[in-house]
Amino acid sequence: MFELLGIILFCWLFVKALGLAVRLAWGATKIVASILFALAVPVLILCLVFAGGILLMIPIAMVGGALLLLKACF
């Protein structure tokens, strides 16, 4: 009976540790993704401007503005 109780407690502890590991990995992923996004967007804009991509940015900005207006309406 004591062995069964030990196995149940060990399984419960394993599930709790697994849940903690998933939460930790998810939080770390969000932090890394936000840092990469914050670094990548200005670099992308600079590359587009220097590569003559200002002509490509205008339609993208227009589509983004339209989506923002649609989002603001709802």
PDB file of N, CA and C in Angstrom:
ATOM      1  N   MET A   1       0.818  -1.187   0.000  1.00  0.00           N
ATOM      2  CA  MET A   1       0.000   0.000   0.000  1.00  0.00           C
ATOM      3  C   MET A   1       0.869   1.260   0.000  1.00  0.00           C
ATOM      4  N   PHE A   2       1.968   1.224   0.772  1.00  0.00           N
ATOM      5  CA  PHE A   2       2.872   2.360   0.827  1.00  0.00           C
ATOM      6  C   PHE A   2       3.537   2.591  -0.531  1.00  0.00           C
ATOM      7  N   GLU A   3       3.845   1.479  -1.217  1.00  0.00           N
ATOM      8  CA  GLU A   3       4.461   1.587  -2.534  1.00  0.00           C
ATOM      9  C   GLU A   3       3.499   2.220  -3.529  1.00  0.00           C
ATOM     10  N   LEU A   4       2.231   1.864  -3.492  1.00  0.00           N
ATOM     11  CA  LEU A   4       1.220   2.442  -4.376  1.00  0.00           C
ATOM     12  C   LEU A   4       1.076   3.936  -4.105  1.00  0.00           C
ATOM     13  N   LEU A   5       1.078   4.327  -2.839  1.00  0.00           N
ATOM     14  CA  LEU A   5       1.001   5.735  -2.479  1.00  0.00           C
ATOM     15  C   LEU A   5       2.225   6.496  -3.004  1.00  0.00           C
ATOM     16  N   GLY A   6       3.396   5.891  -2.907  1.00  0.00           N
ATOM     17  CA  GLY A   6       4.622   6.509  -3.414  1.00  0.00           C
ATOM     18  C   GLY A   6       4.572   6.689  -4.918  1.00  0.00           C
ATOM     19  N   ILE A   7       4.066   5.692  -5.625  1.00  0.00           N
ATOM     20  CA  ILE A   7       3.965   5.786  -7.084  1.00  0.00           C
ATOM     21  C   ILE A   7       2.989   6.887  -7.480  1.00  0.00           C
ATOM     22  N   ILE A   8       1.868   6.973  -6.796  1.00  0.00           N
ATOM     23  CA  ILE A   8       0.878   8.010  -7.101  1.00  0.00           C
ATOM     24  C   ILE A   8       1.463   9.392  -6.841  1.00  0.00           C
ATOM     25  N   LEU A   9       2.156   9.571  -5.729  1.00  0.00           N
ATOM     26  CA  LEU A   9       2.767  10.859  -5.422  1.00  0.00           C
ATOM     27  C   LEU A   9       3.864  11.217  -6.427  1.00  0.00           C
ATOM     28  N   PHE A  10       4.639  10.209  -6.840  1.00  0.00           N
ATOM     29  CA  PHE A  10       5.681  10.458  -7.828  1.00  0.00           C
ATOM     30  C   PHE A  10       5.074  10.888  -9.156  1.00  0.00           C
ATOM     31  N   CYS A  11       4.008  10.225  -9.580  1.00  0.00           N
ATOM     32  CA  CYS A  11       3.332  10.602 -10.833  1.00  0.00           C
ATOM     33  C   CYS A  11       2.755  12.012 -10.734  1.00  0.00           C
ATOM     34  N   TRP A  12       2.168  12.356  -9.588  1.00  0.00           N
ATOM     35  CA  TRP A  12       1.622  13.696  -9.400  1.00  0.00           C
ATOM     36  C   TRP A  12       2.739  14.746  -9.472  1.00  0.00           C
ATOM     37  N   LEU A  13       3.864  14.460  -8.829  1.00  0.00           N
ATOM     38  CA  LEU A  13       4.993  15.373  -8.855  1.00  0.00           C
ATOM     39  C   LEU A  13       5.551  15.514 -10.273  1.00  0.00           C
ATOM     40  N   PHE A  14       5.588  14.416 -11.017  1.00  0.00           N
ATOM     41  CA  PHE A  14       6.076  14.459 -12.389  1.00  0.00           C
ATOM     42  C   PHE A  14       5.178  15.337 -13.253  1.00  0.00           C
ATOM     43  N   VAL A  15       3.859  15.207 -13.096  1.00  0.00           N
ATOM     44  CA  VAL A  15       2.928  16.023 -13.874  1.00  0.00           C
ATOM     45  C   VAL A  15       3.076  17.493 -13.511  1.00  0.00           C
ATOM     46  N   LYS A  16       3.230  17.807 -12.221  1.00  0.00           N
ATOM     47  CA  LYS A  16       3.427  19.189 -11.792  1.00  0.00           C
ATOM     48  C   LYS A  16       4.728  19.759 -12.369  1.00  0.00           C
ATOM     49  N   ALA A  17       5.795  18.971 -12.341  1.00  0.00           N
ATOM     50  CA  ALA A  17       7.074  19.432 -12.882  1.00  0.00           C
ATOM     51  C   ALA A  17       6.986  19.634 -14.385  1.00  0.00           C
ATOM     52  N   LEU A  18       6.270  18.752 -15.067  1.00  0.00           N
ATOM     53  CA  LEU A  18       6.092  18.897 -16.509  1.00  0.00           C
ATOM     54  C   LEU A  18       5.295  20.160 -16.828  1.00  0.00           C
ATOM     55  N   GLY A  19       4.255  20.434 -16.054  1.00  0.00           N
ATOM     56  CA  GLY A  19       3.477  21.646 -16.249  1.00  0.00           C
ATOM     57  C   GLY A  19       4.309  22.899 -16.015  1.00  0.00           C
ATOM     58  N   LEU A  20       5.154  22.873 -14.989  1.00  0.00           N
ATOM     59  CA  LEU A  20       6.030  24.000 -14.720  1.00  0.00           C
ATOM     60  C   LEU A  20       7.032  24.201 -15.854  1.00  0.00           C
ATOM     61  N   ALA A  21       7.562  23.110 -16.389  1.00  0.00           N
ATOM     62  CA  ALA A  21       8.509  23.210 -17.499  1.00  0.00           C
ATOM     63  C   ALA A  21       7.844  23.799 -18.735  1.00  0.00           C
ATOM     64  N   VAL A  22       6.607  23.405 -19.007  1.00  0.00           N
ATOM     65  CA  VAL A  22       5.897  23.946 -20.162  1.00  0.00           C
ATOM     66  C   VAL A  22       5.627  25.436 -19.976  1.00  0.00           C
ATOM     67  N   ARG A  23       5.203  25.841 -18.770  1.00  0.00           N
ATOM     68  CA  ARG A  23       4.949  27.260 -18.510  1.00  0.00           C
ATOM     69  C   ARG A  23       6.235  28.071 -18.622  1.00  0.00           C
ATOM     70  N   LEU A  24       7.335  27.536 -18.125  1.00  0.00           N
ATOM     71  CA  LEU A  24       8.614  28.223 -18.204  1.00  0.00           C
ATOM     72  C   LEU A  24       9.068  28.370 -19.649  1.00  0.00           C
ATOM     73  N   ALA A  25       8.930  27.302 -20.427  1.00  0.00           N
ATOM     74  CA  ALA A  25       9.327  27.357 -21.833  1.00  0.00           C
ATOM     75  C   ALA A  25       8.445  28.330 -22.609  1.00  0.00           C
ATOM     76  N   TRP A  26       7.145  28.363 -22.312  1.00  0.00           N
ATOM     77  CA  TRP A  26       6.239  29.274 -23.002  1.00  0.00           C
ATOM     78  C   TRP A  26       6.594  30.726 -22.678  1.00  0.00           C
ATOM     79  N   GLY A  27       6.878  31.017 -21.418  1.00  0.00           N
ATOM     80  CA  GLY A  27       7.260  32.375 -21.034  1.00  0.00           C
ATOM     81  C   GLY A  27       8.569  32.800 -21.682  1.00  0.00           C
ATOM     82  N   ALA A  28       9.542  31.901 -21.686  1.00  0.00           N
ATOM     83  CA  ALA A  28      10.826  32.222 -22.311  1.00  0.00           C
ATOM     84  C   ALA A  28      10.662  32.431 -23.805  1.00  0.00           C
ATOM     85  N   THR A  29       9.795  31.646 -24.439  1.00  0.00           N
ATOM     86  CA  THR A  29       9.548  31.794 -25.870  1.00  0.00           C
ATOM     87  C   THR A  29       8.917  33.141 -26.166  1.00  0.00           C
ATOM     88  N   LYS A  30       7.966  33.572 -25.334  1.00  0.00           N
ATOM     89  CA  LYS A  30       7.340  34.878 -25.548  1.00  0.00           C
ATOM     90  C   LYS A  30       8.346  36.005 -25.401  1.00  0.00           C
ATOM     91  N   ILE A  31       9.235  35.897 -24.425  1.00  0.00           N
ATOM     92  CA  ILE A  31      10.245  36.941 -24.227  1.00  0.00           C
ATOM     93  C   ILE A  31      11.200  36.998 -25.410  1.00  0.00           C
ATOM     94  N   VAL A  32      11.690  35.850 -25.839  1.00  0.00           N
ATOM     95  CA  VAL A  32      12.630  35.807 -26.966  1.00  0.00           C
ATOM     96  C   VAL A  32      11.951  36.291 -28.245  1.00  0.00           C
ATOM     97  N   ALA A  33      10.705  35.898 -28.468  1.00  0.00           N
ATOM     98  CA  ALA A  33       9.994  36.315 -29.672  1.00  0.00           C
ATOM     99  C   ALA A  33       9.764  37.820 -29.683  1.00  0.00           C
ATOM    100  N   SER A  34       9.428  38.401 -28.546  1.00  0.00           N
ATOM    101  CA  SER A  34       9.200  39.846 -28.515  1.00  0.00           C
ATOM    102  C   SER A  34      10.504  40.605 -28.736  1.00  0.00           C
ATOM    103  N   ILE A  35      11.601  40.108 -28.196  1.00  0.00           N
ATOM    104  CA  ILE A  35      12.892  40.764 -28.426  1.00  0.00           C
ATOM    105  C   ILE A  35      13.282  40.660 -29.894  1.00  0.00           C
ATOM    106  N   LEU A  36      13.136  39.472 -30.474  1.00  0.00           N
ATOM    107  CA  LEU A  36      13.478  39.312 -31.887  1.00  0.00           C
ATOM    108  C   LEU A  36      12.586  40.165 -32.778  1.00  0.00           C
ATOM    109  N   PHE A  37      11.299  40.254 -32.432  1.00  0.00           N
ATOM    110  CA  PHE A  37      10.383  41.069 -33.218  1.00  0.00           C
ATOM    111  C   PHE A  37      10.768  42.539 -33.111  1.00  0.00           C
ATOM    112  N   ALA A  38      11.124  42.985 -31.916  1.00  0.00           N
ATOM    113  CA  ALA A  38      11.504  44.386 -31.725  1.00  0.00           C
ATOM    114  C   ALA A  38      12.801  44.716 -32.463  1.00  0.00           C
ATOM    115  N   LEU A  39      13.672  43.745 -32.629  1.00  0.00           N
ATOM    116  CA  LEU A  39      14.909  43.985 -33.364  1.00  0.00           C
ATOM    117  C   LEU A  39      14.733  43.817 -34.867  1.00  0.00           C
ATOM    118  N   ALA A  40      13.848  42.912 -35.269  1.00  0.00           N
ATOM    119  CA  ALA A  40      13.729  42.588 -36.683  1.00  0.00           C
ATOM    120  C   ALA A  40      12.941  43.635 -37.462  1.00  0.00           C
ATOM    121  N   VAL A  41      11.932  44.232 -36.856  1.00  0.00           N
ATOM    122  CA  VAL A  41      11.099  45.189 -37.591  1.00  0.00           C
ATOM    123  C   VAL A  41      11.894  46.428 -38.020  1.00  0.00           C
ATOM    124  N   PRO A  42      12.650  47.080 -37.143  1.00  0.00           N
ATOM    125  CA  PRO A  42      13.433  48.233 -37.621  1.00  0.00           C
ATOM    126  C   PRO A  42      14.477  47.852 -38.665  1.00  0.00           C
ATOM    127  N   VAL A  43      15.089  46.694 -38.492  1.00  0.00           N
ATOM    128  CA  VAL A  43      16.075  46.244 -39.484  1.00  0.00           C
ATOM    129  C   VAL A  43      15.385  45.996 -40.824  1.00  0.00           C
ATOM    130  N   LEU A  44      14.207  45.405 -40.808  1.00  0.00           N
ATOM    131  CA  LEU A  44      13.467  45.173 -42.039  1.00  0.00           C
ATOM    132  C   LEU A  44      13.102  46.480 -42.709  1.00  0.00           C
ATOM    133  N   ILE A  45      12.671  47.457 -41.936  1.00  0.00           N
ATOM    134  CA  ILE A  45      12.305  48.758 -42.518  1.00  0.00           C
ATOM    135  C   ILE A  45      13.538  49.436 -43.115  1.00  0.00           C
ATOM    136  N   LEU A  46      14.654  49.382 -42.408  1.00  0.00           N
ATOM    137  CA  LEU A  46      15.884  49.983 -42.946  1.00  0.00           C
ATOM    138  C   LEU A  46      16.327  49.293 -44.234  1.00  0.00           C
ATOM    139  N   CYS A  47      16.256  47.975 -44.249  1.00  0.00           N
ATOM    140  CA  CYS A  47      16.644  47.237 -45.454  1.00  0.00           C
ATOM    141  C   CYS A  47      15.723  47.573 -46.620  1.00  0.00           C
ATOM    142  N   LEU A  48      14.440  47.693 -46.345  1.00  0.00           N
ATOM    143  CA  LEU A  48      13.507  48.050 -47.416  1.00  0.00           C
ATOM    144  C   LEU A  48      13.765  49.449 -47.941  1.00  0.00           C
ATOM    145  N   VAL A  49      14.053  50.379 -47.049  1.00  0.00           N
ATOM    146  CA  VAL A  49      14.314  51.751 -47.490  1.00  0.00           C
ATOM    147  C   VAL A  49      15.598  51.815 -48.309  1.00  0.00           C
ATOM    148  N   PHE A  50      16.647  51.160 -47.827  1.00  0.00           N
ATOM    149  CA  PHE A  50      17.920  51.217 -48.543  1.00  0.00           C
ATOM    150  C   PHE A  50      17.896  50.423 -49.838  1.00  0.00           C
ATOM    151  N   ALA A  51      17.055  49.432 -49.941  1.00  0.00           N
ATOM    152  CA  ALA A  51      16.985  48.623 -51.160  1.00  0.00           C
ATOM    153  C   ALA A  51      15.959  49.172 -52.138  1.00  0.00           C
ATOM    154  N   GLY A  52      15.457  50.358 -51.879  1.00  0.00           N
ATOM    155  CA  GLY A  52      14.466  50.932 -52.775  1.00  0.00           C
ATOM    156  C   GLY A  52      13.088  50.349 -52.539  1.00  0.00           C
ATOM    157  N   GLY A  53      12.891  49.796 -51.382  1.00  0.00           N
ATOM    158  CA  GLY A  53      11.621  49.150 -51.101  1.00  0.00           C
ATOM    159  C   GLY A  53      10.557  50.093 -50.593  1.00  0.00           C
ATOM    160  N   ILE A  54      10.829  51.385 -50.651  1.00  0.00           N
ATOM    161  CA  ILE A  54       9.817  52.344 -50.216  1.00  0.00           C
ATOM    162  C   ILE A  54       8.577  52.208 -51.095  1.00  0.00           C
ATOM    163  N   LEU A  55       8.781  51.806 -52.335  1.00  0.00           N
ATOM    164  CA  LEU A  55       7.638  51.594 -53.222  1.00  0.00           C
ATOM    165  C   LEU A  55       6.821  50.379 -52.797  1.00  0.00           C
ATOM    166  N   LEU A  56       7.477  49.429 -52.155  1.00  0.00           N
ATOM    167  CA  LEU A  56       6.755  48.268 -51.643  1.00  0.00           C
ATOM    168  C   LEU A  56       6.111  48.551 -50.288  1.00  0.00           C
ATOM    169  N   MET A  57       6.703  49.475 -49.531  1.00  0.00           N
ATOM    170  CA  MET A  57       6.166  49.750 -48.199  1.00  0.00           C
ATOM    171  C   MET A  57       4.864  50.540 -48.252  1.00  0.00           C
ATOM    172  N   ILE A  58       4.686  51.334 -49.290  1.00  0.00           N
ATOM    173  CA  ILE A  58       3.469  52.149 -49.374  1.00  0.00           C
ATOM    174  C   ILE A  58       2.221  51.271 -49.450  1.00  0.00           C
ATOM    175  N   PRO A  59       2.143  50.275 -50.352  1.00  0.00           N
ATOM    176  CA  PRO A  59       0.938  49.431 -50.350  1.00  0.00           C
ATOM    177  C   PRO A  59       0.776  48.617 -49.070  1.00  0.00           C
ATOM    178  N   ILE A  60       1.882  48.170 -48.504  1.00  0.00           N
ATOM    179  CA  ILE A  60       1.796  47.414 -47.253  1.00  0.00           C
ATOM    180  C   ILE A  60       1.254  48.304 -46.141  1.00  0.00           C
ATOM    181  N   ALA A  61       1.705  49.556 -46.090  1.00  0.00           N
ATOM    182  CA  ALA A  61       1.202  50.492 -45.085  1.00  0.00           C
ATOM    183  C   ALA A  61      -0.280  50.787 -45.316  1.00  0.00           C
ATOM    184  N   MET A  62      -0.687  50.855 -46.579  1.00  0.00           N
ATOM    185  CA  MET A  62      -2.093  51.116 -46.876  1.00  0.00           C
ATOM    186  C   MET A  62      -2.963  49.945 -46.427  1.00  0.00           C
ATOM    187  N   VAL A  63      -2.505  48.719 -46.678  1.00  0.00           N
ATOM    188  CA  VAL A  63      -3.258  47.542 -46.241  1.00  0.00           C
ATOM    189  C   VAL A  63      -3.299  47.485 -44.716  1.00  0.00           C
ATOM    190  N   GLY A  64      -2.171  47.786 -44.070  1.00  0.00           N
ATOM    191  CA  GLY A  64      -2.145  47.808 -42.615  1.00  0.00           C
ATOM    192  C   GLY A  64      -3.072  48.870 -42.051  1.00  0.00           C
ATOM    193  N   GLY A  65      -3.092  50.046 -42.670  1.00  0.00           N
ATOM    194  CA  GLY A  65      -4.004  51.093 -42.230  1.00  0.00           C
ATOM    195  C   GLY A  65      -5.457  50.697 -42.402  1.00  0.00           C
ATOM    196  N   ALA A  66      -5.770  50.029 -43.520  1.00  0.00           N
ATOM    197  CA  ALA A  66      -7.139  49.578 -43.737  1.00  0.00           C
ATOM    198  C   ALA A  66      -7.535  48.545 -42.693  1.00  0.00           C
ATOM    199  N   LEU A  67      -6.611  47.638 -42.367  1.00  0.00           N
ATOM    200  CA  LEU A  67      -6.922  46.640 -41.337  1.00  0.00           C
ATOM    201  C   LEU A  67      -7.117  47.298 -39.971  1.00  0.00           C
ATOM    202  N   LEU A  68      -6.311  48.320 -39.680  1.00  0.00           N
ATOM    203  CA  LEU A  68      -6.483  49.029 -38.409  1.00  0.00           C
ATOM    204  C   LEU A  68      -7.821  49.746 -38.353  1.00  0.00           C
ATOM    205  N   LEU A  69      -8.231  50.332 -39.480  1.00  0.00           N
ATOM    206  CA  LEU A  69      -9.533  50.996 -39.508  1.00  0.00           C
ATOM    207  C   LEU A  69     -10.670  49.995 -39.330  1.00  0.00           C
ATOM    208  N   LEU A  70     -10.531  48.848 -39.971  1.00  0.00           N
ATOM    209  CA  LEU A  70     -11.564  47.820 -39.811  1.00  0.00           C
ATOM    210  C   LEU A  70     -11.617  47.312 -38.375  1.00  0.00           C
ATOM    211  N   LYS A  71     -10.447  47.159 -37.766  1.00  0.00           N
ATOM    212  CA  LYS A  71     -10.395  46.698 -36.381  1.00  0.00           C
ATOM    213  C   LYS A  71     -10.998  47.754 -35.447  1.00  0.00           C
ATOM    214  N   ALA A  72     -10.754  49.024 -35.729  1.00  0.00           N
ATOM    215  CA  ALA A  72     -11.288  50.096 -34.889  1.00  0.00           C
ATOM    216  C   ALA A  72     -12.813  50.181 -35.011  1.00  0.00           C
ATOM    217  N   CYS A  73     -13.344  49.788 -36.157  1.00  0.00           N
ATOM    218  CA  CYS A  73     -14.803  49.866 -36.347  1.00  0.00           C
ATOM    219  C   CYS A  73     -15.535  48.789 -35.563  1.00  0.00           C
ATOM    220  N   PHE A  74     -14.862  47.694 -35.295  1.00  0.00           N
ATOM    221  CA  PHE A  74     -15.542  46.585 -34.608  1.00  0.00           C
ATOM    222  C   PHE A  74     -15.180  46.565 -33.198  1.00  0.00           C
TER     223      PHE A  74
END
